Protein backbone atom coordinates (compact mmCIF):
# COMPACT_ATOMS: atom_id res chain seq x y z
CA MET A 1 112.50 133.20 19.17
CA ASP A 2 108.80 133.90 18.89
CA ARG A 3 106.76 135.24 21.79
CA ASP A 4 105.06 131.92 22.65
CA ASN A 5 108.37 130.05 22.82
CA TYR A 6 109.84 132.81 24.97
CA ILE A 7 106.89 132.66 27.40
CA THR A 8 107.09 128.86 27.58
CA ARG A 9 110.84 128.93 28.19
CA ALA A 10 110.45 131.62 30.87
CA TYR A 11 107.67 129.63 32.61
CA VAL A 12 109.70 126.40 32.61
CA MET A 13 112.89 128.11 33.77
CA ASP A 14 111.03 129.89 36.57
CA LEU A 15 109.62 126.58 37.87
CA TYR A 16 113.06 125.00 37.60
CA ASN A 17 114.79 127.83 39.45
CA ASN A 18 111.94 128.30 41.97
CA PRO A 19 110.32 124.88 42.32
CA HIS A 20 107.03 124.68 44.18
CA ASN A 21 106.76 122.32 47.17
CA HIS A 22 110.47 121.48 47.06
CA GLY A 23 112.16 120.06 50.15
CA LYS A 24 111.29 117.52 52.80
CA ILE A 25 108.22 118.03 54.98
CA ASP A 26 108.96 116.90 58.52
CA ASP A 27 105.63 115.37 59.48
CA TYR A 28 104.96 113.27 56.37
CA ASP A 29 102.87 110.12 56.52
CA PHE A 30 104.31 108.42 53.44
CA PHE A 31 107.33 108.79 51.21
CA LEU A 32 108.79 106.97 48.26
CA LYS A 33 111.96 107.25 46.21
CA GLY A 34 111.76 106.94 42.45
CA LYS A 35 114.50 106.66 39.85
CA ASN A 36 114.75 106.80 36.10
CA PRO A 37 117.61 104.36 35.40
CA LEU A 38 117.97 105.53 31.80
CA CYS A 39 118.98 109.10 32.63
CA GLY A 40 119.70 109.01 36.37
CA ASP A 41 116.87 111.30 37.50
CA ARG A 42 115.93 110.65 41.13
CA ILE A 43 113.01 111.86 43.22
CA THR A 44 111.66 111.43 46.72
CA ILE A 45 108.05 112.40 47.31
CA TYR A 46 106.67 113.08 50.79
CA ILE A 47 102.92 113.14 51.52
CA LYS A 48 100.93 114.27 54.56
CA ILE A 49 97.33 113.06 54.55
CA ASN A 50 94.43 114.28 56.65
CA LYS A 51 91.49 111.91 56.27
CA ASP A 52 91.22 111.54 52.47
CA ILE A 53 92.93 114.84 51.59
CA ILE A 54 96.51 115.45 50.49
CA GLU A 55 97.18 118.06 53.15
CA ASP A 56 100.80 118.58 52.15
CA ILE A 57 103.14 117.16 49.54
CA SER A 58 106.73 117.90 48.67
CA PHE A 59 109.63 116.50 46.73
CA GLU A 60 113.40 116.38 46.64
CA SER A 61 115.01 115.66 43.32
CA GLU A 62 118.18 115.34 41.35
CA GLY A 63 117.70 115.46 37.66
CA CYS A 64 116.90 117.34 34.54
CA ILE A 65 114.71 120.39 34.09
CA ILE A 66 111.77 118.35 32.77
CA SER A 67 111.80 116.05 35.80
CA SER A 68 111.98 118.91 38.30
CA VAL A 69 109.36 121.08 36.62
CA SER A 70 106.97 118.13 36.29
CA SER A 71 107.38 117.48 40.01
CA SER A 72 106.41 121.07 40.81
CA ILE A 73 103.37 120.83 38.55
CA LEU A 74 102.30 117.48 40.04
CA THR A 75 102.55 118.66 43.63
CA ASP A 76 100.60 121.83 42.83
CA GLU A 77 97.97 119.73 41.06
CA VAL A 78 97.30 117.28 43.92
CA LYS A 79 97.80 119.40 47.04
CA GLY A 80 94.48 119.93 48.82
CA ARG A 81 92.61 117.36 46.72
CA SER A 82 91.04 114.13 47.92
CA ILE A 83 92.81 110.88 47.19
CA SER A 84 89.64 109.30 45.87
CA GLU A 85 89.14 112.16 43.40
CA ILE A 86 92.81 112.07 42.37
CA LYS A 87 92.73 108.33 41.71
CA LYS A 88 89.55 108.70 39.71
CA ASN A 89 90.47 111.76 37.62
CA LEU A 90 94.19 112.55 37.54
CA LYS A 91 95.95 111.59 34.33
CA PHE A 92 99.52 112.13 33.20
CA SER A 93 98.17 114.31 30.40
CA ASP A 94 97.05 116.81 33.09
CA ILE A 95 100.69 117.27 34.06
CA GLU A 96 101.97 117.13 30.49
CA ASP A 97 99.52 119.83 29.35
CA LYS A 98 100.75 122.20 32.06
CA LEU A 99 104.36 121.51 31.15
CA LEU A 100 103.76 123.29 27.83
CA ILE A 101 106.52 121.32 26.09
CA LYS A 102 106.13 118.66 23.42
CA LEU A 103 107.88 115.62 24.86
CA SER A 104 109.86 113.02 22.97
CA SER A 105 109.50 109.46 24.24
CA SER A 106 112.77 109.68 26.17
CA ARG A 107 111.79 113.01 27.76
CA GLU A 108 108.34 111.65 28.65
CA LYS A 109 110.07 109.23 31.02
CA CYS A 110 111.64 112.23 32.77
CA ALA A 111 108.28 113.96 33.03
CA ARG A 112 106.50 110.81 34.26
CA LEU A 113 108.91 110.08 37.12
CA SER A 114 107.10 112.16 39.75
CA PHE A 115 103.65 111.10 38.49
CA ASP A 116 104.49 107.39 38.57
CA THR A 117 106.21 107.68 41.97
CA PHE A 118 103.19 109.51 43.40
CA LEU A 119 100.77 106.85 42.10
CA SER A 120 103.00 104.14 43.55
CA ILE A 121 102.70 105.74 46.98
CA LEU A 122 98.91 105.66 46.71
CA ASN A 123 98.76 102.11 45.36
CA ASP A 124 101.48 100.59 47.59
CA ASN A 125 99.75 101.92 50.71
CA ASN A 126 96.19 101.09 49.63
CA LEU A 127 95.20 104.75 49.77
């Protein structure tokens, strides 16, 4: 295994074993459950908003490494940012780039689960 692959694998495994923002926040304002019916991945995202800012965000998940790691990356990416700026600028490619793994079409669905669930929270609640 070359050095770059080793570093990528170590990074992904560390986020999987030590996910960021994992668990339920008690004083959330919004939450939504998402599911990938093809592979069975499940996620619940909790959001606390203060004015227009994502003050806190967390997730609970059952699923593959890609799904869990993408959830950690997403929550790190949006925490502390304004909703208006997120809706204007955040793209799935921002999450995918930080994942450091080339995704097949079936694995992209795993990686998109948290992103799509998060956007649904914003859109469903007119945020």
